PDB file of N, CA and C in Angstrom:
ATOM      1  N   MET A   1      14.466  44.686  -3.860  1.00  0.00           N
ATOM      2  CA  MET A   1      14.009  43.504  -3.170  1.00  0.00           C
ATOM      3  C   MET A   1      13.479  43.936  -1.806  1.00  0.00           C
ATOM      4  N   ASP A   2      12.247  43.545  -1.530  1.00  0.00           N
ATOM      5  CA  ASP A   2      11.684  43.791  -0.211  1.00  0.00           C
ATOM      6  C   ASP A   2      10.840  42.584   0.189  1.00  0.00           C
ATOM      7  N   GLU A   3      10.188  42.648   1.327  1.00  0.00           N
ATOM      8  CA  GLU A   3       9.465  41.486   1.853  1.00  0.00           C
ATOM      9  C   GLU A   3       8.307  41.049   0.967  1.00  0.00           C
ATOM     10  N   ASN A   4       7.864  41.889   0.053  1.00  0.00           N
ATOM     11  CA  ASN A   4       6.781  41.529  -0.856  1.00  0.00           C
ATOM     12  C   ASN A   4       7.257  40.794  -2.101  1.00  0.00           C
ATOM     13  N   ASN A   5       8.564  40.677  -2.290  1.00  0.00           N
ATOM     14  CA  ASN A   5       9.110  40.063  -3.496  1.00  0.00           C
ATOM     15  C   ASN A   5       9.631  38.645  -3.297  1.00  0.00           C
ATOM     16  N   TRP A   6       9.520  38.090  -2.108  1.00  0.00           N
ATOM     17  CA  TRP A   6      10.029  36.745  -1.899  1.00  0.00           C
ATOM     18  C   TRP A   6       9.194  36.004  -0.872  1.00  0.00           C
ATOM     19  N   LYS A   7       9.222  34.665  -0.991  1.00  0.00           N
ATOM     20  CA  LYS A   7       8.481  33.799  -0.080  1.00  0.00           C
ATOM     21  C   LYS A   7       9.359  32.586   0.221  1.00  0.00           C
ATOM     22  N   VAL A   8       9.347  32.133   1.458  1.00  0.00           N
ATOM     23  CA  VAL A   8      10.107  30.956   1.868  1.00  0.00           C
ATOM     24  C   VAL A   8       9.135  29.928   2.414  1.00  0.00           C
ATOM     25  N   GLU A   9       9.256  28.679   1.912  1.00  0.00           N
ATOM     26  CA  GLU A   9       8.443  27.567   2.401  1.00  0.00           C
ATOM     27  C   GLU A   9       9.366  26.490   2.951  1.00  0.00           C
ATOM     28  N   TRP A  10       9.190  26.134   4.210  1.00  0.00           N
ATOM     29  CA  TRP A  10      10.004  25.102   4.845  1.00  0.00           C
ATOM     30  C   TRP A  10       9.290  23.765   4.710  1.00  0.00           C
ATOM     31  N   LYS A  11       9.951  22.802   4.065  1.00  0.00           N
ATOM     32  CA  LYS A  11       9.413  21.459   3.883  1.00  0.00           C
ATOM     33  C   LYS A  11      10.274  20.472   4.667  1.00  0.00           C
ATOM     34  N   THR A  12       9.861  19.212   4.714  1.00  0.00           N
ATOM     35  CA  THR A  12      10.613  18.216   5.489  1.00  0.00           C
ATOM     36  C   THR A  12      11.961  17.883   4.859  1.00  0.00           C
ATOM     37  N   ASP A  13      12.080  18.001   3.524  1.00  0.00           N
ATOM     38  CA  ASP A  13      13.327  17.646   2.844  1.00  0.00           C
ATOM     39  C   ASP A  13      14.028  18.811   2.157  1.00  0.00           C
ATOM     40  N   LYS A  14      13.396  20.014   2.171  1.00  0.00           N
ATOM     41  CA  LYS A  14      13.966  21.149   1.435  1.00  0.00           C
ATOM     42  C   LYS A  14      13.341  22.455   1.888  1.00  0.00           C
ATOM     43  N   VAL A  15      13.938  23.539   1.404  1.00  0.00           N
ATOM     44  CA  VAL A  15      13.381  24.880   1.531  1.00  0.00           C
ATOM     45  C   VAL A  15      13.105  25.371   0.118  1.00  0.00           C
ATOM     46  N   ILE A  16      11.933  25.946  -0.097  1.00  0.00           N
ATOM     47  CA  ILE A  16      11.581  26.502  -1.404  1.00  0.00           C
ATOM     48  C   ILE A  16      11.544  28.016  -1.269  1.00  0.00           C
ATOM     49  N   VAL A  17      12.373  28.702  -2.071  1.00  0.00           N
ATOM     50  CA  VAL A  17      12.432  30.155  -2.054  1.00  0.00           C
ATOM     51  C   VAL A  17      11.911  30.651  -3.399  1.00  0.00           C
ATOM     52  N   THR A  18      10.900  31.503  -3.360  1.00  0.00           N
ATOM     53  CA  THR A  18      10.320  32.066  -4.576  1.00  0.00           C
ATOM     54  C   THR A  18      10.571  33.568  -4.593  1.00  0.00           C
ATOM     55  N   ILE A  19      11.215  34.050  -5.661  1.00  0.00           N
ATOM     56  CA  ILE A  19      11.482  35.469  -5.872  1.00  0.00           C
ATOM     57  C   ILE A  19      10.528  35.939  -6.961  1.00  0.00           C
ATOM     58  N   THR A  20       9.722  36.951  -6.679  1.00  0.00           N
ATOM     59  CA  THR A  20       8.724  37.417  -7.641  1.00  0.00           C
ATOM     60  C   THR A  20       9.017  38.847  -8.085  1.00  0.00           C
ATOM     61  N   GLY A  21       8.473  39.195  -9.241  1.00  0.00           N
ATOM     62  CA  GLY A  21       8.605  40.539  -9.777  1.00  0.00           C
ATOM     63  C   GLY A  21       7.481  40.817 -10.745  1.00  0.00           C
ATOM     64  N   GLU A  22       7.229  42.075 -10.988  1.00  0.00           N
ATOM     65  CA  GLU A  22       6.132  42.453 -11.872  1.00  0.00           C
ATOM     66  C   GLU A  22       6.478  42.335 -13.350  1.00  0.00           C
ATOM     67  N   GLU A  23       7.742  42.511 -13.703  1.00  0.00           N
ATOM     68  CA  GLU A  23       8.118  42.576 -15.117  1.00  0.00           C
ATOM     69  C   GLU A  23       8.901  41.362 -15.602  1.00  0.00           C
ATOM     70  N   GLN A  24       9.012  40.320 -14.777  1.00  0.00           N
ATOM     71  CA  GLN A  24       9.725  39.112 -15.198  1.00  0.00           C
ATOM     72  C   GLN A  24       9.070  37.898 -14.566  1.00  0.00           C
ATOM     73  N   THR A  25       9.470  36.733 -15.030  1.00  0.00           N
ATOM     74  CA  THR A  25       8.929  35.501 -14.465  1.00  0.00           C
ATOM     75  C   THR A  25       9.480  35.285 -13.061  1.00  0.00           C
ATOM     76  N   ASP A  26       8.745  34.544 -12.267  1.00  0.00           N
ATOM     77  CA  ASP A  26       9.195  34.217 -10.916  1.00  0.00           C
ATOM     78  C   ASP A  26      10.366  33.249 -10.983  1.00  0.00           C
ATOM     79  N   GLU A  27      11.299  33.380 -10.066  1.00  0.00           N
ATOM     80  CA  GLU A  27      12.409  32.436  -9.922  1.00  0.00           C
ATOM     81  C   GLU A  27      12.122  31.600  -8.682  1.00  0.00           C
ATOM     82  N   ILE A  28      12.196  30.280  -8.826  1.00  0.00           N
ATOM     83  CA  ILE A  28      11.923  29.368  -7.719  1.00  0.00           C
ATOM     84  C   ILE A  28      13.178  28.542  -7.473  1.00  0.00           C
ATOM     85  N   PHE A  29      13.648  28.555  -6.236  1.00  0.00           N
ATOM     86  CA  PHE A  29      14.850  27.824  -5.857  1.00  0.00           C
ATOM     87  C   PHE A  29      14.494  26.743  -4.844  1.00  0.00           C
ATOM     88  N   PHE A  30      14.938  25.519  -5.105  1.00  0.00           N
ATOM     89  CA  PHE A  30      14.738  24.400  -4.200  1.00  0.00           C
ATOM     90  C   PHE A  30      16.084  24.099  -3.554  1.00  0.00           C
ATOM     91  N   LEU A  31      16.181  24.282  -2.266  1.00  0.00           N
ATOM     92  CA  LEU A  31      17.425  24.071  -1.525  1.00  0.00           C
ATOM     93  C   LEU A  31      17.231  22.857  -0.621  1.00  0.00           C
ATOM     94  N   TYR A  32      17.825  21.728  -1.007  1.00  0.00           N
ATOM     95  CA  TYR A  32      17.667  20.495  -0.245  1.00  0.00           C
ATOM     96  C   TYR A  32      18.654  20.455   0.911  1.00  0.00           C
ATOM     97  N   TYR A  33      18.231  19.838   2.001  1.00  0.00           N
ATOM     98  CA  TYR A  33      19.079  19.770   3.195  1.00  0.00           C
ATOM     99  C   TYR A  33      20.340  18.936   2.977  1.00  0.00           C
ATOM    100  N   ASN A  34      20.363  18.093   1.937  1.00  0.00           N
ATOM    101  CA  ASN A  34      21.557  17.292   1.650  1.00  0.00           C
ATOM    102  C   ASN A  34      22.575  18.058   0.797  1.00  0.00           C
ATOM    103  N   GLY A  35      22.298  19.337   0.496  1.00  0.00           N
ATOM    104  CA  GLY A  35      23.228  20.173  -0.253  1.00  0.00           C
ATOM    105  C   GLY A  35      22.886  20.340  -1.720  1.00  0.00           C
ATOM    106  N   GLU A  36      21.954  19.545  -2.250  1.00  0.00           N
ATOM    107  CA  GLU A  36      21.564  19.673  -3.654  1.00  0.00           C
ATOM    108  C   GLU A  36      20.684  20.903  -3.840  1.00  0.00           C
ATOM    109  N   THR A  37      20.688  21.441  -5.060  1.00  0.00           N
ATOM    110  CA  THR A  37      19.837  22.591  -5.387  1.00  0.00           C
ATOM    111  C   THR A  37      19.197  22.388  -6.748  1.00  0.00           C
ATOM    112  N   GLU A  38      18.068  23.023  -6.965  1.00  0.00           N
ATOM    113  CA  GLU A  38      17.389  23.070  -8.252  1.00  0.00           C
ATOM    114  C   GLU A  38      16.793  24.461  -8.382  1.00  0.00           C
ATOM    115  N   ASN A  39      16.531  24.873  -9.608  1.00  0.00           N
ATOM    116  CA  ASN A  39      15.805  26.129  -9.787  1.00  0.00           C
ATOM    117  C   ASN A  39      14.868  25.996 -10.980  1.00  0.00           C
ATOM    118  N   ALA A  40      13.843  26.834 -10.973  1.00  0.00           N
ATOM    119  CA  ALA A  40      12.829  26.822 -12.019  1.00  0.00           C
ATOM    120  C   ALA A  40      12.285  28.234 -12.154  1.00  0.00           C
ATOM    121  N   THR A  41      11.494  28.439 -13.207  1.00  0.00           N
ATOM    122  CA  THR A  41      10.811  29.710 -13.389  1.00  0.00           C
ATOM    123  C   THR A  41       9.325  29.443 -13.508  1.00  0.00           C
ATOM    124  N   SER A  42       8.544  30.427 -13.151  1.00  0.00           N
ATOM    125  CA  SER A  42       7.096  30.322 -13.230  1.00  0.00           C
ATOM    126  C   SER A  42       6.560  31.669 -13.657  1.00  0.00           C
ATOM    127  N   ASP A  43       5.711  31.677 -14.674  1.00  0.00           N
ATOM    128  CA  ASP A  43       5.107  32.920 -15.137  1.00  0.00           C
ATOM    129  C   ASP A  43       3.882  33.200 -14.288  1.00  0.00           C
ATOM    130  N   SER A  44       3.973  34.159 -13.372  1.00  0.00           N
ATOM    131  CA  SER A  44       2.882  34.456 -12.445  1.00  0.00           C
ATOM    132  C   SER A  44       1.729  35.183 -13.095  1.00  0.00           C
ATOM    133  N   SER A  45       1.871  35.606 -14.349  1.00  0.00           N
ATOM    134  CA  SER A  45       0.793  36.321 -15.033  1.00  0.00           C
ATOM    135  C   SER A  45      -0.223  35.381 -15.643  1.00  0.00           C
ATOM    136  N   GLN A  46       0.034  34.072 -15.648  1.00  0.00           N
ATOM    137  CA  GLN A  46      -0.896  33.118 -16.246  1.00  0.00           C
ATOM    138  C   GLN A  46      -1.979  32.731 -15.283  1.00  0.00           C
TER     139      GLN A  46
END
């Protein structure tokens, strides 16, 4: 893991953290300020 493998986006209601890799799908984490969380995957090769 290095600075090229992740991205953080600050939104008004949450933080979105995206972890990327060359050999697997991206992992996307939604961290809401109220304590709730969600996660998803995204195929960056498409």
